[in-house]
Amino acid sequence: MNNSTIVTYPAVLAANEDDGYTVIFPDIADAVTGGRSLGESLVNAEITLGRFLVNHQEALPQASTMTSLAHRYPTDFIQFVAVDLNQVKPQPWQHRLAGIDIRPMNFTD
């Protein structure tokens, strides 16, 4: 039997001037990424979500509902992103402001 820890959180994708998207997770402060296309943004969102939460599995935040987010972000695209935390390797990153292991992701280089 596979013992997976799959978590799902809503991501808000906001179109930017460069025809790409900025992705935020309203339930997870500082988890921000993006991409040059919708597909690239969703891939980066999954990676960012996993790398952020793998180090915080003891205190995962409650996920917002789609209804509550639709009212807060009426012009943006909202997509649930799922990740299996058992498949994510912890990263030794540092975030100066909150002491949280996260930094902006750039997987296009």
C-alpha atoms as a PDB file:
ATOM      1  CA  MET A   1       0.000   0.000   0.000  1.00  0.00           C
ATOM      2  CA  ASN A   2       1.278   3.444  -0.924  1.00  0.00           C
ATOM      3  CA  ASN A   3       1.224   5.841   2.023  1.00  0.00           C
ATOM      4  CA  SER A   4       0.784   9.202   0.276  1.00  0.00           C
ATOM      5  CA  THR A   5       0.168  12.590   1.765  1.00  0.00           C
ATOM      6  CA  ILE A   6      -1.703  14.437  -0.955  1.00  0.00           C
ATOM      7  CA  VAL A   7      -2.740  17.995  -0.177  1.00  0.00           C
ATOM      8  CA  THR A   8      -4.813  20.333  -2.311  1.00  0.00           C
ATOM      9  CA  TYR A   9      -4.921  24.119  -2.166  1.00  0.00           C
ATOM     10  CA  PRO A  10      -6.489  26.738  -4.408  1.00  0.00           C
ATOM     11  CA  ALA A  11      -4.165  28.871  -6.492  1.00  0.00           C
ATOM     12  CA  VAL A  12      -5.133  32.245  -7.938  1.00  0.00           C
ATOM     13  CA  LEU A  13      -3.642  32.946 -11.361  1.00  0.00           C
ATOM     14  CA  ALA A  14      -3.628  36.609 -12.348  1.00  0.00           C
ATOM     15  CA  ALA A  15      -2.713  37.571 -15.909  1.00  0.00           C
ATOM     16  CA  ASN A  16       0.180  40.030 -16.109  1.00  0.00           C
ATOM     17  CA  GLU A  17       1.374  42.485 -18.771  1.00  0.00           C
ATOM     18  CA  ASP A  18       3.843  40.010 -20.263  1.00  0.00           C
ATOM     19  CA  ASP A  19       1.082  37.555 -21.329  1.00  0.00           C
ATOM     20  CA  GLY A  20       2.072  35.326 -18.409  1.00  0.00           C
ATOM     21  CA  TYR A  21       0.573  34.669 -15.026  1.00  0.00           C
ATOM     22  CA  THR A  22       1.421  35.404 -11.418  1.00  0.00           C
ATOM     23  CA  VAL A  23       0.299  32.642  -9.061  1.00  0.00           C
ATOM     24  CA  ILE A  24      -0.516  33.117  -5.393  1.00  0.00           C
ATOM     25  CA  PHE A  25      -1.874  30.741  -2.773  1.00  0.00           C
ATOM     26  CA  PRO A  26      -4.231  32.822  -0.586  1.00  0.00           C
ATOM     27  CA  ASP A  27      -3.928  30.328   2.274  1.00  0.00           C
ATOM     28  CA  ILE A  28      -0.126  30.268   2.236  1.00  0.00           C
ATOM     29  CA  ALA A  29       1.626  33.603   2.707  1.00  0.00           C
ATOM     30  CA  ASP A  30       4.769  34.076   0.619  1.00  0.00           C
ATOM     31  CA  ALA A  31       4.067  31.115  -1.718  1.00  0.00           C
ATOM     32  CA  VAL A  32       4.229  32.998  -5.018  1.00  0.00           C
ATOM     33  CA  THR A  33       5.312  31.890  -8.468  1.00  0.00           C
ATOM     34  CA  GLY A  34       4.298  32.350 -12.081  1.00  0.00           C
ATOM     35  CA  GLY A  35       5.091  31.528 -15.653  1.00  0.00           C
ATOM     36  CA  ARG A  36       4.981  32.644 -19.262  1.00  0.00           C
ATOM     37  CA  SER A  37       1.891  30.544 -20.013  1.00  0.00           C
ATOM     38  CA  LEU A  38      -1.016  29.015 -18.128  1.00  0.00           C
ATOM     39  CA  GLY A  39       0.558  25.545 -18.317  1.00  0.00           C
ATOM     40  CA  GLU A  40       3.969  26.703 -17.119  1.00  0.00           C
ATOM     41  CA  SER A  41       2.327  28.640 -14.293  1.00  0.00           C
ATOM     42  CA  LEU A  42       0.413  25.561 -13.115  1.00  0.00           C
ATOM     43  CA  VAL A  43       3.539  23.388 -13.179  1.00  0.00           C
ATOM     44  CA  ASN A  44       5.440  26.019 -11.193  1.00  0.00           C
ATOM     45  CA  ALA A  45       2.486  26.303  -8.791  1.00  0.00           C
ATOM     46  CA  GLU A  46       2.638  22.579  -7.998  1.00  0.00           C
ATOM     47  CA  ILE A  47       6.397  22.732  -7.399  1.00  0.00           C
ATOM     48  CA  THR A  48       6.130  25.844  -5.243  1.00  0.00           C
ATOM     49  CA  LEU A  49       3.283  24.405  -3.181  1.00  0.00           C
ATOM     50  CA  GLY A  50       5.161  21.174  -2.548  1.00  0.00           C
ATOM     51  CA  ARG A  51       8.436  22.816  -1.633  1.00  0.00           C
ATOM     52  CA  PHE A  52       6.720  25.171   0.763  1.00  0.00           C
ATOM     53  CA  LEU A  53       4.513  22.653   2.540  1.00  0.00           C
ATOM     54  CA  VAL A  54       6.971  19.767   2.816  1.00  0.00           C
ATOM     55  CA  ASN A  55       8.735  21.611   5.638  1.00  0.00           C
ATOM     56  CA  HIS A  56       5.467  22.531   7.400  1.00  0.00           C
ATOM     57  CA  GLN A  57       3.455  19.293   7.429  1.00  0.00           C
ATOM     58  CA  GLU A  58       2.754  19.528  11.162  1.00  0.00           C
ATOM     59  CA  ALA A  59       0.700  22.715  10.784  1.00  0.00           C
ATOM     60  CA  LEU A  60      -0.919  22.807   7.355  1.00  0.00           C
ATOM     61  CA  PRO A  61      -3.349  25.710   6.910  1.00  0.00           C
ATOM     62  CA  GLN A  62      -7.022  25.157   6.157  1.00  0.00           C
ATOM     63  CA  ALA A  63      -7.744  25.508   2.424  1.00  0.00           C
ATOM     64  CA  SER A  64     -10.182  28.202   1.317  1.00  0.00           C
ATOM     65  CA  THR A  65     -13.305  27.272  -0.571  1.00  0.00           C
ATOM     66  CA  MET A  66     -13.749  28.066  -4.243  1.00  0.00           C
ATOM     67  CA  THR A  67     -16.824  30.166  -3.393  1.00  0.00           C
ATOM     68  CA  SER A  68     -14.986  32.416  -0.957  1.00  0.00           C
ATOM     69  CA  LEU A  69     -12.127  32.941  -3.411  1.00  0.00           C
ATOM     70  CA  ALA A  70     -14.436  33.681  -6.338  1.00  0.00           C
ATOM     71  CA  HIS A  71     -15.770  36.640  -4.360  1.00  0.00           C
ATOM     72  CA  ARG A  72     -12.274  37.875  -3.438  1.00  0.00           C
ATOM     73  CA  TYR A  73     -10.740  37.386  -6.916  1.00  0.00           C
ATOM     74  CA  PRO A  74     -13.619  37.865  -9.385  1.00  0.00           C
ATOM     75  CA  THR A  75     -11.438  38.550 -12.448  1.00  0.00           C
ATOM     76  CA  ASP A  76      -8.724  35.937 -11.889  1.00  0.00           C
ATOM     77  CA  PHE A  77      -8.482  32.250 -12.745  1.00  0.00           C
ATOM     78  CA  ILE A  78      -8.720  29.948  -9.703  1.00  0.00           C
ATOM     79  CA  GLN A  79      -7.415  26.384  -9.893  1.00  0.00           C
ATOM     80  CA  PHE A  80      -6.919  23.754  -7.231  1.00  0.00           C
ATOM     81  CA  VAL A  81      -3.343  22.432  -7.118  1.00  0.00           C
ATOM     82  CA  ALA A  82      -2.552  19.029  -5.607  1.00  0.00           C
ATOM     83  CA  VAL A  83       0.810  17.680  -4.517  1.00  0.00           C
ATOM     84  CA  ASP A  84       1.965  14.485  -2.813  1.00  0.00           C
ATOM     85  CA  LEU A  85       4.248  15.683  -0.015  1.00  0.00           C
ATOM     86  CA  ASN A  86       5.938  12.267   0.144  1.00  0.00           C
ATOM     87  CA  GLN A  87       7.284  12.941  -3.357  1.00  0.00           C
ATOM     88  CA  VAL A  88       8.813  16.352  -2.513  1.00  0.00           C
ATOM     89  CA  LYS A  89      12.363  16.728  -1.234  1.00  0.00           C
ATOM     90  CA  PRO A  90      12.842  19.394   1.470  1.00  0.00           C
ATOM     91  CA  GLN A  91      14.893  22.375   0.305  1.00  0.00           C
ATOM     92  CA  PRO A  92      17.330  24.266   2.564  1.00  0.00           C
ATOM     93  CA  TRP A  93      16.058  27.713   1.547  1.00  0.00           C
ATOM     94  CA  GLN A  94      15.743  30.751   3.723  1.00  0.00           C
ATOM     95  CA  HIS A  95      13.200  33.536   3.812  1.00  0.00           C
ATOM     96  CA  ARG A  96      14.439  36.545   5.768  1.00  0.00           C
ATOM     97  CA  LEU A  97      11.111  38.090   6.739  1.00  0.00           C
ATOM     98  CA  ALA A  98       9.110  35.190   8.127  1.00  0.00           C
ATOM     99  CA  GLY A  99      11.659  32.466   8.716  1.00  0.00           C
ATOM    100  CA  ILE A 100       9.818  30.351   6.144  1.00  0.00           C
ATOM    101  CA  ASP A 101      11.574  28.115   3.637  1.00  0.00           C
ATOM    102  CA  ILE A 102      10.356  29.646   0.360  1.00  0.00           C
ATOM    103  CA  ARG A 103      11.607  31.831  -2.450  1.00  0.00           C
ATOM    104  CA  PRO A 104      10.213  32.792  -5.859  1.00  0.00           C
ATOM    105  CA  MET A 105      10.477  29.970  -8.357  1.00  0.00           C
ATOM    106  CA  ASN A 106      11.901  30.332 -11.867  1.00  0.00           C
ATOM    107  CA  PHE A 107      12.002  27.065 -13.799  1.00  0.00           C
ATOM    108  CA  THR A 108      12.327  28.539 -17.286  1.00  0.00           C
ATOM    109  CA  ASP A 109      16.106  29.005 -17.319  1.00  0.00           C
END
